[in-house]
Amino acid sequence: MDKPAPATDAELVSGIRDGDESAGADLFERYSRRVYYLALRELRSTADAEDVRAETFLRVLKAIRKQQIASPDALRLFILGVARNVILETLRSPLREARGEIPEMPAPEAAEMVDDDVRLSIQAAIGRLKPREREFLRLHYYEDLPKEEIARRLGVDEERVRLVKSRTLKSFREMYQRARKIADTKRGGPSLKV
């Protein structure tokens, strides 16, 4: 028996407006990791990232219930926009400034599944990419922007975004393989592939 297709963003918005609690849970499941990692990258604190995620979804659900979202099809962009606003508020927090703290630099949960050599190889590969390639990775994978917005920010035609992606991933693979070979040589043998 085939699984039912996942609800569209518009269907989730409609369900939340109608009081369907499972629609809210599905929305959180669909976007919470993205919001968490965006916040973690900017704030470098797991506690702050959790707070941003919770506050973001409280605001998003409130906006949906008050019918303040004009286009449910743009829900993803709305959620990321709310998350960025909450991140900025957190960065400007008087409590954070008063403490004068330097935020912690935890490894994201996903990164804990790879060993230090792999993590360092990934960082080395990204560091060797051209600035535009690094910017593409950030816009596409971290901010999850649509092709049109990526094209605008990179200053290229929309038709070229696919080419930029292809070249960026090819460059990343080559840089990563070089970094792994160097790491393997230093350790005295090949490691398991991830």
N, C-alpha and C. Protein backbone atom coordinates (compact mmCIF):
# COMPACT_ATOMS: atom_id res chain seq x y z
N MET A 1 0.84 -1.19 0.00
CA MET A 1 0.00 0.00 0.00
C MET A 1 0.88 1.24 0.00
N ASP A 2 0.61 2.17 -0.92
CA ASP A 2 1.40 3.38 -1.04
C ASP A 2 1.13 4.34 0.10
N LYS A 3 2.21 5.01 0.52
CA LYS A 3 2.06 6.05 1.53
C LYS A 3 1.36 7.25 0.90
N PRO A 4 0.53 7.95 1.66
CA PRO A 4 -0.07 9.16 1.10
C PRO A 4 1.01 10.22 0.90
N ALA A 5 0.82 11.03 -0.12
CA ALA A 5 1.79 12.09 -0.38
C ALA A 5 1.80 13.07 0.78
N PRO A 6 2.97 13.60 1.15
CA PRO A 6 3.00 14.58 2.23
C PRO A 6 2.19 15.81 1.87
N ALA A 7 1.62 16.43 2.88
CA ALA A 7 0.81 17.63 2.65
C ALA A 7 1.68 18.75 2.10
N THR A 8 1.10 19.55 1.24
CA THR A 8 1.80 20.73 0.74
C THR A 8 1.81 21.78 1.84
N ASP A 9 2.64 22.80 1.66
CA ASP A 9 2.66 23.90 2.63
C ASP A 9 1.29 24.56 2.72
N ALA A 10 0.63 24.73 1.58
CA ALA A 10 -0.70 25.36 1.57
C ALA A 10 -1.70 24.52 2.37
N GLU A 11 -1.60 23.19 2.25
CA GLU A 11 -2.50 22.30 3.02
C GLU A 11 -2.20 22.37 4.51
N LEU A 12 -0.91 22.50 4.87
CA LEU A 12 -0.55 22.63 6.28
C LEU A 12 -1.10 23.94 6.85
N VAL A 13 -0.97 25.02 6.09
CA VAL A 13 -1.50 26.31 6.54
C VAL A 13 -3.00 26.21 6.74
N SER A 14 -3.69 25.61 5.79
CA SER A 14 -5.14 25.45 5.89
C SER A 14 -5.51 24.61 7.11
N GLY A 15 -4.77 23.52 7.35
CA GLY A 15 -5.04 22.66 8.50
C GLY A 15 -4.82 23.39 9.82
N ILE A 16 -3.77 24.18 9.90
CA ILE A 16 -3.49 24.92 11.14
C ILE A 16 -4.59 25.95 11.38
N ARG A 17 -5.03 26.62 10.32
CA ARG A 17 -6.13 27.60 10.46
C ARG A 17 -7.41 26.93 10.92
N ASP A 18 -7.59 25.66 10.51
CA ASP A 18 -8.81 24.92 10.89
C ASP A 18 -8.68 24.24 12.25
N GLY A 19 -7.54 24.43 12.92
CA GLY A 19 -7.36 23.86 14.26
C GLY A 19 -6.82 22.44 14.29
N ASP A 20 -6.30 21.95 13.17
CA ASP A 20 -5.74 20.60 13.11
C ASP A 20 -4.33 20.59 13.75
N GLU A 21 -4.22 20.01 14.94
CA GLU A 21 -2.94 20.00 15.65
C GLU A 21 -1.86 19.20 14.92
N SER A 22 -2.26 18.17 14.19
CA SER A 22 -1.26 17.38 13.47
C SER A 22 -0.61 18.20 12.36
N ALA A 23 -1.35 19.17 11.81
CA ALA A 23 -0.76 20.03 10.77
C ALA A 23 0.36 20.88 11.36
N GLY A 24 0.18 21.36 12.59
CA GLY A 24 1.23 22.12 13.28
C GLY A 24 2.45 21.25 13.54
N ALA A 25 2.19 20.01 13.95
CA ALA A 25 3.30 19.07 14.21
C ALA A 25 4.04 18.74 12.91
N ASP A 26 3.29 18.58 11.82
CA ASP A 26 3.92 18.29 10.52
C ASP A 26 4.77 19.48 10.05
N LEU A 27 4.26 20.67 10.27
CA LEU A 27 5.01 21.88 9.91
C LEU A 27 6.32 21.95 10.68
N PHE A 28 6.24 21.69 11.98
CA PHE A 28 7.45 21.70 12.81
C PHE A 28 8.43 20.64 12.33
N GLU A 29 7.94 19.45 12.06
CA GLU A 29 8.78 18.34 11.60
C GLU A 29 9.48 18.70 10.28
N ARG A 30 8.77 19.37 9.40
CA ARG A 30 9.29 19.69 8.08
C ARG A 30 10.40 20.76 8.14
N TYR A 31 10.25 21.75 9.01
CA TYR A 31 11.16 22.91 8.97
C TYR A 31 12.02 23.11 10.21
N SER A 32 11.82 22.35 11.27
CA SER A 32 12.52 22.66 12.52
C SER A 32 14.03 22.46 12.42
N ARG A 33 14.49 21.43 11.73
CA ARG A 33 15.94 21.21 11.60
C ARG A 33 16.60 22.36 10.86
N ARG A 34 15.95 22.81 9.82
CA ARG A 34 16.51 23.91 9.02
C ARG A 34 16.66 25.17 9.87
N VAL A 35 15.62 25.48 10.64
CA VAL A 35 15.67 26.66 11.51
C VAL A 35 16.74 26.48 12.58
N TYR A 36 16.81 25.28 13.16
CA TYR A 36 17.79 25.02 14.22
C TYR A 36 19.22 25.22 13.71
N TYR A 37 19.54 24.66 12.55
CA TYR A 37 20.91 24.77 12.04
C TYR A 37 21.25 26.18 11.57
N LEU A 38 20.26 26.89 11.06
CA LEU A 38 20.48 28.30 10.71
C LEU A 38 20.83 29.09 11.97
N ALA A 39 20.07 28.87 13.04
CA ALA A 39 20.33 29.56 14.31
C ALA A 39 21.65 29.13 14.92
N LEU A 40 21.96 27.85 14.86
CA LEU A 40 23.21 27.35 15.43
C LEU A 40 24.41 27.93 14.71
N ARG A 41 24.30 28.03 13.39
CA ARG A 41 25.40 28.59 12.62
C ARG A 41 25.65 30.05 12.99
N GLU A 42 24.58 30.81 13.19
CA GLU A 42 24.73 32.23 13.49
C GLU A 42 25.07 32.50 14.94
N LEU A 43 24.51 31.72 15.87
CA LEU A 43 24.64 32.02 17.29
C LEU A 43 25.70 31.18 18.00
N ARG A 44 26.07 30.04 17.42
CA ARG A 44 27.10 29.17 17.98
C ARG A 44 26.77 28.69 19.40
N SER A 45 25.50 28.52 19.65
CA SER A 45 25.08 28.05 20.97
C SER A 45 23.86 27.15 20.79
N THR A 46 23.95 25.93 21.30
CA THR A 46 22.83 25.01 21.16
C THR A 46 21.61 25.51 21.92
N ALA A 47 21.82 26.10 23.10
CA ALA A 47 20.69 26.61 23.89
C ALA A 47 19.99 27.74 23.15
N ASP A 48 20.78 28.67 22.60
CA ASP A 48 20.18 29.78 21.85
C ASP A 48 19.48 29.28 20.59
N ALA A 49 20.06 28.29 19.93
CA ALA A 49 19.43 27.74 18.72
C ALA A 49 18.09 27.10 19.05
N GLU A 50 18.02 26.39 20.16
CA GLU A 50 16.74 25.79 20.61
C GLU A 50 15.72 26.89 20.89
N ASP A 51 16.17 27.96 21.57
CA ASP A 51 15.26 29.08 21.87
C ASP A 51 14.74 29.73 20.58
N VAL A 52 15.64 29.93 19.62
CA VAL A 52 15.24 30.54 18.35
C VAL A 52 14.23 29.64 17.65
N ARG A 53 14.48 28.34 17.65
CA ARG A 53 13.55 27.43 16.98
C ARG A 53 12.17 27.50 17.63
N ALA A 54 12.12 27.46 18.95
CA ALA A 54 10.83 27.51 19.64
C ALA A 54 10.11 28.83 19.38
N GLU A 55 10.83 29.95 19.49
CA GLU A 55 10.21 31.26 19.28
C GLU A 55 9.75 31.42 17.83
N THR A 56 10.55 30.92 16.90
CA THR A 56 10.18 31.02 15.49
C THR A 56 8.85 30.33 15.23
N PHE A 57 8.70 29.10 15.72
CA PHE A 57 7.48 28.36 15.43
C PHE A 57 6.28 28.91 16.19
N LEU A 58 6.50 29.48 17.37
CA LEU A 58 5.40 30.15 18.06
C LEU A 58 4.88 31.32 17.23
N ARG A 59 5.80 32.12 16.69
CA ARG A 59 5.41 33.27 15.87
C ARG A 59 4.76 32.85 14.56
N VAL A 60 5.31 31.81 13.94
CA VAL A 60 4.75 31.34 12.67
C VAL A 60 3.33 30.81 12.87
N LEU A 61 3.12 29.99 13.90
CA LEU A 61 1.79 29.45 14.15
C LEU A 61 0.80 30.57 14.47
N LYS A 62 1.24 31.55 15.23
CA LYS A 62 0.38 32.68 15.56
C LYS A 62 0.00 33.45 14.29
N ALA A 63 0.98 33.68 13.41
CA ALA A 63 0.72 34.39 12.16
C ALA A 63 -0.26 33.62 11.27
N ILE A 64 -0.09 32.30 11.23
CA ILE A 64 -1.00 31.48 10.41
C ILE A 64 -2.41 31.55 10.97
N ARG A 65 -2.54 31.40 12.28
CA ARG A 65 -3.88 31.42 12.89
C ARG A 65 -4.57 32.77 12.72
N LYS A 66 -3.77 33.85 12.67
CA LYS A 66 -4.35 35.19 12.48
C LYS A 66 -4.46 35.54 11.00
N GLN A 67 -4.19 34.56 10.14
CA GLN A 67 -4.29 34.71 8.68
C GLN A 67 -3.43 35.87 8.18
N GLN A 68 -2.20 35.95 8.71
CA GLN A 68 -1.27 37.01 8.31
C GLN A 68 -0.31 36.56 7.21
N ILE A 69 -0.48 35.35 6.71
CA ILE A 69 0.36 34.87 5.62
C ILE A 69 -0.45 34.98 4.34
N ALA A 70 -0.01 35.89 3.48
CA ALA A 70 -0.75 36.16 2.24
C ALA A 70 -0.66 35.00 1.26
N SER A 71 0.51 34.38 1.17
CA SER A 71 0.70 33.30 0.21
C SER A 71 1.23 32.05 0.91
N PRO A 72 0.38 31.07 1.18
CA PRO A 72 0.84 29.85 1.84
C PRO A 72 1.95 29.14 1.08
N ASP A 73 2.02 29.36 -0.24
CA ASP A 73 3.07 28.72 -1.03
C ASP A 73 4.45 29.29 -0.71
N ALA A 74 4.49 30.47 -0.08
CA ALA A 74 5.75 31.09 0.31
C ALA A 74 6.06 30.83 1.79
N LEU A 75 5.46 29.79 2.36
CA LEU A 75 5.61 29.51 3.79
C LEU A 75 7.07 29.29 4.19
N ARG A 76 7.82 28.56 3.38
CA ARG A 76 9.22 28.28 3.70
C ARG A 76 10.00 29.57 3.87
N LEU A 77 9.82 30.49 2.93
CA LEU A 77 10.52 31.77 3.01
C LEU A 77 10.06 32.58 4.22
N PHE A 78 8.79 32.50 4.52
CA PHE A 78 8.25 33.22 5.68
C PHE A 78 8.90 32.69 6.97
N ILE A 79 8.96 31.36 7.09
CA ILE A 79 9.56 30.75 8.29
C ILE A 79 11.02 31.16 8.43
N LEU A 80 11.78 31.09 7.35
CA LEU A 80 13.20 31.47 7.42
C LEU A 80 13.36 32.96 7.72
N GLY A 81 12.45 33.79 7.22
CA GLY A 81 12.49 35.21 7.53
C GLY A 81 12.23 35.47 9.00
N VAL A 82 11.24 34.77 9.56
CA VAL A 82 10.95 34.91 10.99
C VAL A 82 12.16 34.44 11.81
N ALA A 83 12.75 33.31 11.40
CA ALA A 83 13.92 32.79 12.11
C ALA A 83 15.06 33.81 12.11
N ARG A 84 15.30 34.44 10.96
CA ARG A 84 16.38 35.45 10.89
C ARG A 84 16.10 36.63 11.82
N ASN A 85 14.83 37.04 11.89
CA ASN A 85 14.48 38.13 12.79
C ASN A 85 14.71 37.74 14.25
N VAL A 86 14.34 36.53 14.61
CA VAL A 86 14.54 36.07 15.99
C VAL A 86 16.04 35.96 16.28
N ILE A 87 16.82 35.51 15.32
CA ILE A 87 18.28 35.43 15.50
C ILE A 87 18.86 36.82 15.74
N LEU A 88 18.42 37.80 14.94
CA LEU A 88 18.91 39.17 15.13
C LEU A 88 18.53 39.71 16.51
N GLU A 89 17.31 39.42 16.93
CA GLU A 89 16.88 39.86 18.27
C GLU A 89 17.76 39.21 19.34
N THR A 90 18.08 37.96 19.14
CA THR A 90 18.92 37.25 20.11
C THR A 90 20.32 37.85 20.14
N LEU A 91 20.85 38.16 18.96
CA LEU A 91 22.19 38.76 18.91
C LEU A 91 22.23 40.12 19.59
N ARG A 92 21.12 40.85 19.52
CA ARG A 92 21.06 42.19 20.11
C ARG A 92 20.58 42.18 21.55
N SER A 93 20.34 41.01 22.08
CA SER A 93 19.80 40.88 23.43
C SER A 93 20.69 41.58 24.45
N PRO A 94 20.11 42.45 25.30
CA PRO A 94 20.90 43.12 26.33
C PRO A 94 21.57 42.13 27.29
N LEU A 95 20.88 41.04 27.59
CA LEU A 95 21.44 40.04 28.50
C LEU A 95 22.71 39.45 27.89
N ARG A 96 22.66 39.15 26.61
CA ARG A 96 23.82 38.58 25.94
C ARG A 96 24.98 39.57 25.93
N GLU A 97 24.67 40.84 25.65
CA GLU A 97 25.71 41.87 25.65
C GLU A 97 26.27 42.10 27.06
N ALA A 98 25.39 42.10 28.06
CA ALA A 98 25.82 42.35 29.43
C ALA A 98 26.76 41.26 29.93
N ARG A 99 26.49 40.04 29.50
CA ARG A 99 27.35 38.93 29.93
C ARG A 99 28.71 39.00 29.26
N GLY A 100 28.78 39.68 28.10
CA GLY A 100 30.03 39.80 27.36
C GLY A 100 30.62 38.45 27.01
N GLU A 101 29.74 37.49 26.83
CA GLU A 101 30.22 36.12 26.60
C GLU A 101 30.58 35.88 25.15
N ILE A 102 31.51 35.01 24.94
CA ILE A 102 31.80 34.52 23.61
C ILE A 102 31.03 33.21 23.49
N PRO A 103 30.12 33.12 22.52
CA PRO A 103 29.29 31.93 22.41
C PRO A 103 30.11 30.67 22.19
N GLU A 104 29.58 29.57 22.70
CA GLU A 104 30.25 28.29 22.53
C GLU A 104 30.20 27.86 21.08
N MET A 105 31.08 26.96 20.69
CA MET A 105 31.14 26.48 19.31
C MET A 105 30.90 24.98 19.29
N PRO A 106 29.67 24.55 19.53
CA PRO A 106 29.42 23.12 19.54
C PRO A 106 29.37 22.56 18.14
N ALA A 107 29.61 21.29 18.02
CA ALA A 107 29.42 20.63 16.73
C ALA A 107 27.94 20.34 16.58
N PRO A 108 27.34 20.66 15.43
CA PRO A 108 25.94 20.33 15.22
C PRO A 108 25.72 18.82 15.35
N GLU A 109 24.49 18.44 15.71
CA GLU A 109 24.19 17.02 15.91
C GLU A 109 24.56 16.18 14.71
N ALA A 110 24.30 16.69 13.51
CA ALA A 110 24.63 15.92 12.31
C ALA A 110 26.13 15.71 12.20
N ALA A 111 26.91 16.71 12.61
CA ALA A 111 28.36 16.60 12.51
C ALA A 111 28.92 15.58 13.49
N GLU A 112 28.17 15.28 14.55
CA GLU A 112 28.64 14.30 15.52
C GLU A 112 28.67 12.89 14.94
N MET A 113 28.03 12.70 13.79
CA MET A 113 28.00 11.37 13.18
C MET A 113 29.23 11.11 12.34
N VAL A 114 30.10 12.11 12.16
CA VAL A 114 31.32 11.90 11.41
C VAL A 114 32.51 12.15 12.32
N ASP A 115 33.64 11.51 12.00
CA ASP A 115 34.80 11.69 12.86
C ASP A 115 35.50 13.01 12.57
N ASP A 116 36.47 13.36 13.41
CA ASP A 116 37.15 14.64 13.30
C ASP A 116 37.88 14.79 11.96
N ASP A 117 38.46 13.70 11.46
CA ASP A 117 39.17 13.78 10.17
C ASP A 117 38.22 14.17 9.05
N VAL A 118 37.04 13.57 9.04
CA VAL A 118 36.06 13.88 7.99
C VAL A 118 35.62 15.34 8.13
N ARG A 119 35.31 15.76 9.35
CA ARG A 119 34.87 17.14 9.58
C ARG A 119 35.94 18.13 9.12
N LEU A 120 37.20 17.86 9.47
CA LEU A 120 38.29 18.74 9.05
C LEU A 120 38.47 18.74 7.54
N SER A 121 38.27 17.59 6.92
CA SER A 121 38.38 17.51 5.45
C SER A 121 37.27 18.33 4.79
N ILE A 122 36.07 18.28 5.35
CA ILE A 122 34.96 19.06 4.81
C ILE A 122 35.27 20.55 4.94
N GLN A 123 35.74 20.96 6.12
CA GLN A 123 36.09 22.37 6.33
C GLN A 123 37.20 22.81 5.38
N ALA A 124 38.20 21.96 5.18
CA ALA A 124 39.30 22.29 4.28
C ALA A 124 38.79 22.42 2.84
N ALA A 125 37.91 21.52 2.44
CA ALA A 125 37.37 21.57 1.08
C ALA A 125 36.57 22.85 0.87
N ILE A 126 35.73 23.21 1.81
CA ILE A 126 34.93 24.43 1.68
C ILE A 126 35.85 25.65 1.65
N GLY A 127 36.90 25.64 2.48
CA GLY A 127 37.83 26.76 2.52
C GLY A 127 38.58 26.97 1.22
N ARG A 128 38.74 25.91 0.42
CA ARG A 128 39.47 26.03 -0.84
C ARG A 128 38.59 26.40 -2.03
N LEU A 129 37.28 26.43 -1.81
CA LEU A 129 36.38 26.81 -2.90
C LEU A 129 36.50 28.30 -3.21
N LYS A 130 36.11 28.67 -4.41
CA LYS A 130 36.07 30.08 -4.78
C LYS A 130 34.99 30.77 -3.95
N PRO A 131 35.14 32.07 -3.71
CA PRO A 131 34.13 32.78 -2.90
C PRO A 131 32.70 32.60 -3.41
N ARG A 132 32.50 32.65 -4.73
CA ARG A 132 31.15 32.48 -5.26
C ARG A 132 30.62 31.07 -4.99
N GLU A 133 31.49 30.07 -5.04
CA GLU A 133 31.07 28.70 -4.76
C GLU A 133 30.67 28.55 -3.29
N ARG A 134 31.46 29.15 -2.40
CA ARG A 134 31.10 29.11 -0.97
C ARG A 134 29.77 29.81 -0.73
N GLU A 135 29.60 30.95 -1.40
CA GLU A 135 28.35 31.70 -1.25
C GLU A 135 27.18 30.89 -1.77
N PHE A 136 27.36 30.18 -2.89
CA PHE A 136 26.28 29.34 -3.41
C PHE A 136 25.89 28.27 -2.39
N LEU A 137 26.89 27.60 -1.81
CA LEU A 137 26.59 26.57 -0.82
C LEU A 137 25.80 27.14 0.35
N ARG A 138 26.19 28.32 0.81
CA ARG A 138 25.50 28.95 1.93
C ARG A 138 24.06 29.27 1.55
N LEU A 139 23.85 29.89 0.41
CA LEU A 139 22.51 30.28 -0.01
C LEU A 139 21.61 29.09 -0.28
N HIS A 140 22.18 28.05 -0.90
CA HIS A 140 21.37 26.89 -1.31
C HIS A 140 21.11 25.93 -0.14
N TYR A 141 22.17 25.58 0.60
CA TYR A 141 22.02 24.54 1.61
C TYR A 141 21.69 25.06 3.01
N TYR A 142 22.21 26.24 3.37
CA TYR A 142 21.93 26.76 4.70
C TYR A 142 20.68 27.62 4.72
N GLU A 143 20.58 28.54 3.76
CA GLU A 143 19.42 29.43 3.76
C GLU A 143 18.27 28.87 2.96
N ASP A 144 18.54 27.85 2.15
CA ASP A 144 17.51 27.17 1.37
C ASP A 144 16.68 28.15 0.54
N LEU A 145 17.38 29.05 -0.14
CA LEU A 145 16.70 30.06 -0.94
C LEU A 145 16.28 29.48 -2.29
N PRO A 146 15.23 30.04 -2.88
CA PRO A 146 14.82 29.58 -4.21
C PRO A 146 15.83 30.02 -5.27
N LYS A 147 15.77 29.36 -6.40
CA LYS A 147 16.72 29.61 -7.49
C LYS A 147 16.75 31.08 -7.89
N GLU A 148 15.57 31.71 -7.93
CA GLU A 148 15.50 33.12 -8.35
C GLU A 148 16.31 34.01 -7.42
N GLU A 149 16.16 33.78 -6.11
CA GLU A 149 16.87 34.61 -5.13
C GLU A 149 18.37 34.34 -5.16
N ILE A 150 18.75 33.07 -5.34
CA ILE A 150 20.18 32.73 -5.44
C ILE A 150 20.78 33.44 -6.66
N ALA A 151 20.06 33.41 -7.77
CA ALA A 151 20.54 34.07 -8.99
C ALA A 151 20.73 35.56 -8.74
N ARG A 152 19.75 36.18 -8.07
CA ARG A 152 19.84 37.62 -7.80
C ARG A 152 21.04 37.93 -6.93
N ARG A 153 21.24 37.15 -5.85
CA ARG A 153 22.34 37.43 -4.92
C ARG A 153 23.71 37.16 -5.52
N LEU A 154 23.78 36.17 -6.43
CA LEU A 154 25.06 35.86 -7.07
C LEU A 154 25.31 36.74 -8.29
N GLY A 155 24.27 37.42 -8.75
CA GLY A 155 24.41 38.27 -9.92
C GLY A 155 24.52 37.49 -11.21
N VAL A 156 23.77 36.37 -11.31
CA VAL A 156 23.78 35.56 -12.53
C VAL A 156 22.34 35.37 -13.01
N ASP A 157 22.18 34.94 -14.26
CA ASP A 157 20.86 34.61 -14.78
C ASP A 157 20.35 33.34 -14.08
N GLU A 158 19.02 33.26 -13.94
CA GLU A 158 18.43 32.08 -13.29
C GLU A 158 18.84 30.78 -13.97
N GLU A 159 18.98 30.83 -15.31
CA GLU A 159 19.33 29.62 -16.05
C GLU A 159 20.72 29.12 -15.69
N ARG A 160 21.57 30.00 -15.17
CA ARG A 160 22.94 29.62 -14.83
C ARG A 160 23.08 29.01 -13.44
N VAL A 161 22.03 29.10 -12.62
CA VAL A 161 22.13 28.60 -11.25
C VAL A 161 22.43 27.11 -11.23
N ARG A 162 21.79 26.36 -12.12
CA ARG A 162 22.04 24.91 -12.16
C ARG A 162 23.49 24.62 -12.52
N LEU A 163 24.05 25.41 -13.44
CA LEU A 163 25.45 25.26 -13.84
C LEU A 163 26.38 25.60 -12.67
N VAL A 164 26.06 26.68 -11.95
CA VAL A 164 26.86 27.06 -10.78
C VAL A 164 26.82 25.94 -9.74
N LYS A 165 25.65 25.36 -9.53
CA LYS A 165 25.51 24.27 -8.57
C LYS A 165 26.36 23.07 -8.99
N SER A 166 26.26 22.69 -10.25
CA SER A 166 27.00 21.55 -10.76
C SER A 166 28.51 21.75 -10.59
N ARG A 167 28.99 22.93 -10.98
CA ARG A 167 30.42 23.21 -10.88
C ARG A 167 30.88 23.28 -9.42
N THR A 168 30.04 23.87 -8.58
CA THR A 168 30.38 23.98 -7.15
C THR A 168 30.51 22.59 -6.53
N LEU A 169 29.54 21.72 -6.79
CA LEU A 169 29.59 20.38 -6.20
C LEU A 169 30.76 19.57 -6.74
N LYS A 170 31.07 19.75 -8.03
CA LYS A 170 32.23 19.08 -8.62
C LYS A 170 33.51 19.56 -7.94
N SER A 171 33.64 20.88 -7.77
CA SER A 171 34.82 21.43 -7.10
C SER A 171 34.92 20.93 -5.66
N PHE A 172 33.76 20.92 -4.98
CA PHE A 172 33.77 20.45 -3.59
C PHE A 172 34.24 19.01 -3.50
N ARG A 173 33.71 18.14 -4.39
CA ARG A 173 34.12 16.72 -4.36
C ARG A 173 35.63 16.59 -4.58
N GLU A 174 36.15 17.33 -5.55
CA GLU A 174 37.59 17.26 -5.82
C GLU A 174 38.41 17.73 -4.63
N MET A 175 38.01 18.85 -4.04
CA MET A 175 38.74 19.40 -2.88
C MET A 175 38.64 18.45 -1.68
N TYR A 176 37.46 17.86 -1.50
CA TYR A 176 37.26 16.94 -0.38
C TYR A 176 38.14 15.70 -0.56
N GLN A 177 38.18 15.16 -1.77
CA GLN A 177 39.00 13.97 -2.01
C GLN A 177 40.48 14.26 -1.76
N ARG A 178 40.94 15.45 -2.18
CA ARG A 178 42.33 15.83 -1.90
C ARG A 178 42.58 15.93 -0.40
N ALA A 179 41.66 16.58 0.29
CA ALA A 179 41.81 16.74 1.74
C ALA A 179 41.82 15.38 2.44
N ARG A 180 41.00 14.44 1.98
CA ARG A 180 40.96 13.10 2.58
C ARG A 180 42.28 12.37 2.33
N LYS A 181 42.84 12.51 1.13
CA LYS A 181 44.12 11.85 0.82
C LYS A 181 45.22 12.38 1.74
N ILE A 182 45.23 13.69 1.95
CA ILE A 182 46.22 14.29 2.85
C ILE A 182 46.04 13.76 4.26
N ALA A 183 44.79 13.71 4.72
CA ALA A 183 44.51 13.21 6.08
C ALA A 183 44.90 11.75 6.20
N ASP A 184 44.59 10.95 5.16
CA ASP A 184 44.94 9.53 5.20
C ASP A 184 46.46 9.34 5.22
N THR A 185 47.18 10.15 4.46
CA THR A 185 48.64 10.07 4.42
C THR A 185 49.23 10.38 5.79
N LYS A 186 48.70 11.40 6.44
CA LYS A 186 49.20 11.79 7.77
C LYS A 186 48.95 10.70 8.79
N ARG A 187 47.80 9.99 8.64
CA ARG A 187 47.45 8.95 9.60
C ARG A 187 48.10 7.63 9.26
N GLY A 188 48.58 7.49 8.03
CA GLY A 188 49.25 6.26 7.64
C GLY A 188 48.37 5.22 7.01
N GLY A 189 47.25 5.61 6.45
CA GLY A 189 46.41 4.65 5.77
C GLY A 189 45.04 5.21 5.48
N PRO A 190 44.30 4.54 4.58
CA PRO A 190 42.97 5.04 4.23
C PRO A 190 41.99 4.83 5.37
N SER A 191 41.02 5.75 5.44
CA SER A 191 39.98 5.62 6.46
C SER A 191 38.69 5.18 5.79
N LEU A 192 37.69 4.92 6.61
CA LEU A 192 36.40 4.56 6.07
C LEU A 192 35.79 5.73 5.36
N LYS A 193 35.12 5.48 4.25
CA LYS A 193 34.44 6.57 3.54
C LYS A 193 33.13 6.87 4.24
N VAL A 194 32.76 8.14 4.19
CA VAL A 194 31.48 8.55 4.78
C VAL A 194 30.52 8.82 3.66
